[in-house]
Amino acid sequence: MKVTPEHNERVAKLTFAEVYPHYIKKVESKGRTKAELHEVIKWLTGFDDKKLKELIAEKVTFETFFKKAKLNRNAHLITGVICGYRIEEIDNPLTQQVRYLDKLVDELAKGKKMEKILREG
């Protein structure tokens, strides 16, 4: 599936605060924890709990969220299909970064071991 400019625009304007509760619900409904979700987010973005709370309170868009992030150097190892898109083929950097996060949340919810999710070997 090809990512359209309109799709990229919608993704950029979504706020992290809008999507975050869905991430929590998804992982908790599968027996994982908010702490594990935060570990995954921290691995990808460098944001600790305090910074995440600030970004949620500020209602930052994903565009701002990822501009402030220090993306993990191994983020490029996140591959596969999420939401019908092959992550490694997405040419818009922001949309790709959002899909990285979606994929990590998905893997967490599916019960994957943390060291696999965090691409540690």
N, C-alpha and C. Protein backbone atom coordinates (compact mmCIF):
# COMPACT_ATOMS: atom_id res chain seq x y z
N MET A 1 0.85 -1.18 0.00
CA MET A 1 0.00 0.00 0.00
C MET A 1 0.89 1.24 0.00
N LYS A 2 0.58 2.21 -0.83
CA LYS A 2 1.35 3.43 -0.95
C LYS A 2 0.85 4.48 0.04
N VAL A 3 1.77 5.11 0.72
CA VAL A 3 1.43 6.19 1.65
C VAL A 3 1.21 7.46 0.83
N THR A 4 0.06 8.09 1.01
CA THR A 4 -0.25 9.31 0.26
C THR A 4 0.18 10.56 1.03
N PRO A 5 0.35 11.67 0.33
CA PRO A 5 0.67 12.93 1.03
C PRO A 5 -0.41 13.29 2.05
N GLU A 6 -1.67 13.00 1.73
CA GLU A 6 -2.77 13.29 2.66
C GLU A 6 -2.63 12.46 3.93
N HIS A 7 -2.25 11.20 3.76
CA HIS A 7 -2.04 10.33 4.93
C HIS A 7 -0.90 10.89 5.79
N ASN A 8 0.19 11.28 5.15
CA ASN A 8 1.33 11.85 5.89
C ASN A 8 0.91 13.09 6.68
N GLU A 9 0.08 13.92 6.07
CA GLU A 9 -0.40 15.14 6.73
C GLU A 9 -1.26 14.79 7.95
N ARG A 10 -2.16 13.82 7.80
CA ARG A 10 -3.01 13.40 8.93
C ARG A 10 -2.16 12.87 10.08
N VAL A 11 -1.17 12.06 9.75
CA VAL A 11 -0.28 11.49 10.78
C VAL A 11 0.46 12.60 11.51
N ALA A 12 0.97 13.57 10.77
CA ALA A 12 1.74 14.67 11.37
C ALA A 12 0.89 15.49 12.34
N LYS A 13 -0.40 15.63 12.04
CA LYS A 13 -1.26 16.49 12.85
C LYS A 13 -1.91 15.78 14.03
N LEU A 14 -1.87 14.46 14.05
CA LEU A 14 -2.38 13.72 15.20
C LEU A 14 -1.58 14.11 16.43
N THR A 15 -2.23 14.19 17.58
CA THR A 15 -1.46 14.47 18.78
C THR A 15 -1.12 13.15 19.48
N PHE A 16 0.04 13.13 20.08
CA PHE A 16 0.45 11.95 20.84
C PHE A 16 -0.56 11.68 21.95
N ALA A 17 -1.07 12.75 22.57
CA ALA A 17 -2.04 12.61 23.67
C ALA A 17 -3.31 11.90 23.22
N GLU A 18 -3.70 12.05 21.96
CA GLU A 18 -4.89 11.36 21.43
C GLU A 18 -4.66 9.86 21.29
N VAL A 19 -3.46 9.50 20.89
CA VAL A 19 -3.15 8.11 20.56
C VAL A 19 -2.67 7.32 21.79
N TYR A 20 -2.00 7.99 22.69
CA TYR A 20 -1.42 7.34 23.87
C TYR A 20 -2.39 6.47 24.65
N PRO A 21 -3.63 6.93 24.95
CA PRO A 21 -4.57 6.06 25.68
C PRO A 21 -4.88 4.76 24.92
N HIS A 22 -4.87 4.83 23.60
CA HIS A 22 -5.11 3.63 22.79
C HIS A 22 -3.95 2.64 22.91
N TYR A 23 -2.73 3.19 22.99
CA TYR A 23 -1.56 2.34 23.20
C TYR A 23 -1.68 1.61 24.55
N ILE A 24 -2.01 2.36 25.58
CA ILE A 24 -2.15 1.77 26.92
C ILE A 24 -3.22 0.68 26.91
N LYS A 25 -4.38 1.00 26.36
CA LYS A 25 -5.48 0.03 26.31
C LYS A 25 -5.07 -1.23 25.56
N LYS A 26 -4.39 -1.05 24.44
CA LYS A 26 -3.98 -2.20 23.63
C LYS A 26 -3.04 -3.12 24.39
N VAL A 27 -2.01 -2.55 25.02
CA VAL A 27 -1.04 -3.42 25.71
C VAL A 27 -1.61 -4.01 26.99
N GLU A 28 -2.39 -3.22 27.75
CA GLU A 28 -2.95 -3.73 29.00
C GLU A 28 -4.00 -4.81 28.75
N SER A 29 -4.74 -4.70 27.65
CA SER A 29 -5.75 -5.71 27.34
C SER A 29 -5.10 -7.05 26.99
N LYS A 30 -3.81 -7.01 26.67
CA LYS A 30 -3.07 -8.23 26.35
C LYS A 30 -2.14 -8.67 27.47
N GLY A 31 -2.32 -8.07 28.66
CA GLY A 31 -1.55 -8.49 29.83
C GLY A 31 -0.20 -7.84 30.00
N ARG A 32 0.09 -6.82 29.20
CA ARG A 32 1.35 -6.09 29.38
C ARG A 32 1.07 -4.85 30.22
N THR A 33 2.11 -4.12 30.60
CA THR A 33 1.94 -3.00 31.53
C THR A 33 2.28 -1.65 30.90
N LYS A 34 1.78 -0.61 31.56
CA LYS A 34 2.10 0.76 31.16
C LYS A 34 3.61 0.98 31.28
N ALA A 35 4.22 0.40 32.30
CA ALA A 35 5.68 0.53 32.48
C ALA A 35 6.43 -0.07 31.29
N GLU A 36 5.95 -1.21 30.79
CA GLU A 36 6.58 -1.82 29.61
C GLU A 36 6.39 -0.93 28.38
N LEU A 37 5.20 -0.36 28.25
CA LEU A 37 4.94 0.57 27.15
C LEU A 37 5.91 1.74 27.22
N HIS A 38 6.10 2.29 28.41
CA HIS A 38 7.02 3.42 28.59
C HIS A 38 8.45 3.02 28.27
N GLU A 39 8.82 1.80 28.61
CA GLU A 39 10.17 1.31 28.29
C GLU A 39 10.39 1.28 26.77
N VAL A 40 9.37 0.82 26.05
CA VAL A 40 9.44 0.75 24.59
C VAL A 40 9.53 2.16 24.00
N ILE A 41 8.70 3.08 24.51
CA ILE A 41 8.71 4.46 24.02
C ILE A 41 10.06 5.12 24.31
N LYS A 42 10.58 4.87 25.51
CA LYS A 42 11.88 5.44 25.88
C LYS A 42 12.99 4.90 24.98
N TRP A 43 12.95 3.60 24.68
CA TRP A 43 13.96 3.01 23.80
C TRP A 43 13.94 3.70 22.44
N LEU A 44 12.75 3.92 21.89
CA LEU A 44 12.64 4.51 20.56
C LEU A 44 12.97 6.00 20.55
N THR A 45 12.49 6.75 21.56
CA THR A 45 12.54 8.22 21.51
C THR A 45 13.52 8.87 22.47
N GLY A 46 13.89 8.15 23.53
CA GLY A 46 14.73 8.74 24.57
C GLY A 46 13.92 9.45 25.65
N PHE A 47 12.58 9.50 25.53
CA PHE A 47 11.76 10.22 26.49
C PHE A 47 11.52 9.39 27.76
N ASP A 48 11.84 9.97 28.92
CA ASP A 48 11.53 9.32 30.18
C ASP A 48 10.08 9.64 30.57
N ASP A 49 9.62 9.09 31.69
CA ASP A 49 8.23 9.27 32.12
C ASP A 49 7.87 10.76 32.28
N LYS A 50 8.78 11.52 32.87
CA LYS A 50 8.53 12.95 33.10
C LYS A 50 8.33 13.68 31.78
N LYS A 51 9.19 13.42 30.82
CA LYS A 51 9.10 14.09 29.52
C LYS A 51 7.82 13.65 28.78
N LEU A 52 7.47 12.36 28.89
CA LEU A 52 6.23 11.88 28.26
C LEU A 52 5.02 12.62 28.81
N LYS A 53 4.97 12.78 30.15
CA LYS A 53 3.86 13.50 30.77
C LYS A 53 3.78 14.93 30.26
N GLU A 54 4.94 15.59 30.13
CA GLU A 54 4.98 16.96 29.62
C GLU A 54 4.43 17.02 28.20
N LEU A 55 4.86 16.11 27.35
CA LEU A 55 4.43 16.10 25.95
C LEU A 55 2.93 15.83 25.82
N ILE A 56 2.43 14.97 26.69
CA ILE A 56 0.99 14.67 26.70
C ILE A 56 0.23 15.91 27.15
N ALA A 57 0.70 16.55 28.22
CA ALA A 57 0.04 17.76 28.74
C ALA A 57 0.05 18.90 27.71
N GLU A 58 1.13 18.98 26.95
CA GLU A 58 1.26 20.03 25.91
C GLU A 58 0.46 19.69 24.66
N LYS A 59 -0.06 18.45 24.60
CA LYS A 59 -0.82 17.99 23.42
C LYS A 59 -0.04 18.20 22.12
N VAL A 60 1.22 17.78 22.15
CA VAL A 60 2.07 17.94 20.96
C VAL A 60 1.61 17.01 19.84
N THR A 61 1.80 17.46 18.62
CA THR A 61 1.51 16.62 17.46
C THR A 61 2.64 15.59 17.34
N PHE A 62 2.37 14.55 16.55
CA PHE A 62 3.44 13.57 16.30
C PHE A 62 4.63 14.25 15.63
N GLU A 63 4.37 15.26 14.83
CA GLU A 63 5.46 15.98 14.18
C GLU A 63 6.39 16.58 15.23
N THR A 64 5.83 17.26 16.22
CA THR A 64 6.64 17.85 17.30
C THR A 64 7.25 16.76 18.18
N PHE A 65 6.46 15.74 18.48
CA PHE A 65 6.92 14.62 19.30
C PHE A 65 8.22 14.04 18.75
N PHE A 66 8.23 13.74 17.45
CA PHE A 66 9.42 13.13 16.87
C PHE A 66 10.53 14.13 16.57
N LYS A 67 10.20 15.42 16.44
CA LYS A 67 11.26 16.43 16.30
C LYS A 67 12.05 16.53 17.59
N LYS A 68 11.35 16.35 18.73
CA LYS A 68 12.01 16.45 20.04
C LYS A 68 12.70 15.14 20.43
N ALA A 69 12.35 14.06 19.76
CA ALA A 69 12.90 12.74 20.11
C ALA A 69 14.34 12.59 19.64
N LYS A 70 15.07 11.75 20.36
CA LYS A 70 16.40 11.32 19.92
C LYS A 70 16.21 9.85 19.53
N LEU A 71 15.91 9.63 18.25
CA LEU A 71 15.56 8.30 17.77
C LEU A 71 16.71 7.31 18.01
N ASN A 72 16.35 6.14 18.51
CA ASN A 72 17.33 5.10 18.77
C ASN A 72 18.07 4.75 17.49
N ARG A 73 19.38 4.56 17.59
CA ARG A 73 20.18 4.27 16.40
C ARG A 73 19.80 2.94 15.75
N ASN A 74 19.11 2.07 16.48
CA ASN A 74 18.67 0.79 15.92
C ASN A 74 17.22 0.80 15.44
N ALA A 75 16.61 1.98 15.39
CA ALA A 75 15.21 2.07 14.96
C ALA A 75 15.02 1.50 13.55
N HIS A 76 16.04 1.63 12.71
CA HIS A 76 15.94 1.11 11.34
C HIS A 76 15.75 -0.41 11.29
N LEU A 77 16.00 -1.07 12.40
CA LEU A 77 15.82 -2.53 12.47
C LEU A 77 14.35 -2.92 12.63
N ILE A 78 13.49 -1.93 12.87
CA ILE A 78 12.05 -2.19 13.00
C ILE A 78 11.49 -2.31 11.59
N THR A 79 11.08 -3.52 11.25
CA THR A 79 10.59 -3.78 9.90
C THR A 79 9.28 -4.55 9.98
N GLY A 80 8.67 -4.74 8.84
CA GLY A 80 7.44 -5.50 8.78
C GLY A 80 6.26 -4.63 8.39
N VAL A 81 5.07 -5.21 8.50
CA VAL A 81 3.86 -4.51 8.09
C VAL A 81 3.07 -4.07 9.32
N ILE A 82 2.62 -2.82 9.29
CA ILE A 82 1.75 -2.29 10.34
C ILE A 82 0.73 -1.39 9.67
N CYS A 83 -0.52 -1.56 10.02
CA CYS A 83 -1.61 -0.77 9.45
C CYS A 83 -1.63 -0.86 7.92
N GLY A 84 -1.19 -1.98 7.39
CA GLY A 84 -1.21 -2.19 5.94
C GLY A 84 -0.01 -1.62 5.20
N TYR A 85 0.94 -1.05 5.93
CA TYR A 85 2.11 -0.44 5.30
C TYR A 85 3.37 -1.20 5.68
N ARG A 86 4.25 -1.45 4.71
CA ARG A 86 5.55 -2.05 4.98
C ARG A 86 6.45 -0.92 5.46
N ILE A 87 6.84 -0.99 6.72
CA ILE A 87 7.57 0.10 7.38
C ILE A 87 8.82 0.53 6.62
N GLU A 88 9.61 -0.43 6.18
CA GLU A 88 10.88 -0.09 5.55
C GLU A 88 10.70 0.56 4.17
N GLU A 89 9.48 0.55 3.63
CA GLU A 89 9.22 1.16 2.33
C GLU A 89 8.56 2.54 2.43
N ILE A 90 8.28 2.99 3.64
CA ILE A 90 7.66 4.31 3.83
C ILE A 90 8.73 5.37 3.61
N ASP A 91 8.47 6.28 2.65
CA ASP A 91 9.50 7.26 2.31
C ASP A 91 9.40 8.58 3.09
N ASN A 92 8.30 8.80 3.80
CA ASN A 92 8.18 10.00 4.63
C ASN A 92 8.75 9.68 6.01
N PRO A 93 9.83 10.37 6.42
CA PRO A 93 10.48 10.04 7.70
C PRO A 93 9.54 10.09 8.91
N LEU A 94 8.69 11.10 9.00
CA LEU A 94 7.80 11.20 10.15
C LEU A 94 6.80 10.05 10.17
N THR A 95 6.17 9.77 9.06
CA THR A 95 5.21 8.66 9.00
C THR A 95 5.91 7.36 9.35
N GLN A 96 7.14 7.18 8.89
CA GLN A 96 7.89 5.97 9.21
C GLN A 96 8.16 5.89 10.72
N GLN A 97 8.51 7.00 11.34
CA GLN A 97 8.78 7.00 12.78
C GLN A 97 7.52 6.68 13.58
N VAL A 98 6.38 7.22 13.17
CA VAL A 98 5.13 6.91 13.85
C VAL A 98 4.83 5.42 13.70
N ARG A 99 5.06 4.88 12.53
CA ARG A 99 4.81 3.45 12.30
C ARG A 99 5.82 2.59 13.08
N TYR A 100 7.04 3.08 13.29
CA TYR A 100 7.98 2.37 14.18
C TYR A 100 7.33 2.19 15.55
N LEU A 101 6.79 3.30 16.08
CA LEU A 101 6.17 3.25 17.40
C LEU A 101 4.97 2.32 17.40
N ASP A 102 4.13 2.42 16.37
CA ASP A 102 2.97 1.52 16.26
C ASP A 102 3.41 0.06 16.26
N LYS A 103 4.47 -0.24 15.53
CA LYS A 103 4.96 -1.62 15.42
C LYS A 103 5.48 -2.11 16.78
N LEU A 104 6.20 -1.27 17.50
CA LEU A 104 6.70 -1.66 18.82
C LEU A 104 5.55 -1.94 19.79
N VAL A 105 4.53 -1.09 19.76
CA VAL A 105 3.35 -1.28 20.61
C VAL A 105 2.66 -2.59 20.24
N ASP A 106 2.54 -2.84 18.95
CA ASP A 106 1.92 -4.07 18.45
C ASP A 106 2.70 -5.31 18.93
N GLU A 107 4.01 -5.25 18.82
CA GLU A 107 4.84 -6.38 19.26
C GLU A 107 4.70 -6.61 20.76
N LEU A 108 4.65 -5.53 21.52
CA LEU A 108 4.46 -5.64 22.97
C LEU A 108 3.12 -6.31 23.27
N ALA A 109 2.06 -5.85 22.59
CA ALA A 109 0.72 -6.42 22.81
C ALA A 109 0.65 -7.88 22.40
N LYS A 110 1.45 -8.26 21.42
CA LYS A 110 1.43 -9.66 20.95
C LYS A 110 2.27 -10.59 21.82
N GLY A 111 2.88 -10.04 22.87
CA GLY A 111 3.60 -10.88 23.81
C GLY A 111 5.05 -11.15 23.47
N LYS A 112 5.59 -10.42 22.53
CA LYS A 112 7.00 -10.60 22.17
C LYS A 112 7.89 -10.26 23.36
N LYS A 113 9.00 -10.95 23.49
CA LYS A 113 9.93 -10.68 24.59
C LYS A 113 10.55 -9.29 24.42
N MET A 114 10.73 -8.62 25.54
CA MET A 114 11.23 -7.24 25.52
C MET A 114 12.56 -7.10 24.78
N GLU A 115 13.49 -8.05 24.98
CA GLU A 115 14.79 -7.92 24.30
C GLU A 115 14.66 -8.01 22.78
N LYS A 116 13.65 -8.72 22.30
CA LYS A 116 13.37 -8.79 20.86
C LYS A 116 12.76 -7.48 20.38
N ILE A 117 11.82 -6.95 21.15
CA ILE A 117 11.16 -5.69 20.79
C ILE A 117 12.20 -4.57 20.72
N LEU A 118 13.12 -4.57 21.67
CA LEU A 118 14.13 -3.52 21.75
C LEU A 118 15.36 -3.81 20.88
N ARG A 119 15.22 -4.78 20.00
CA ARG A 119 16.27 -5.10 19.02
C ARG A 119 17.64 -5.26 19.67
N GLU A 120 17.68 -6.06 20.75
CA GLU A 120 18.94 -6.27 21.47
C GLU A 120 19.63 -7.57 21.10
N GLY A 121 19.09 -8.28 20.17
CA GLY A 121 19.76 -9.52 19.77
C GLY A 121 18.84 -10.65 19.54
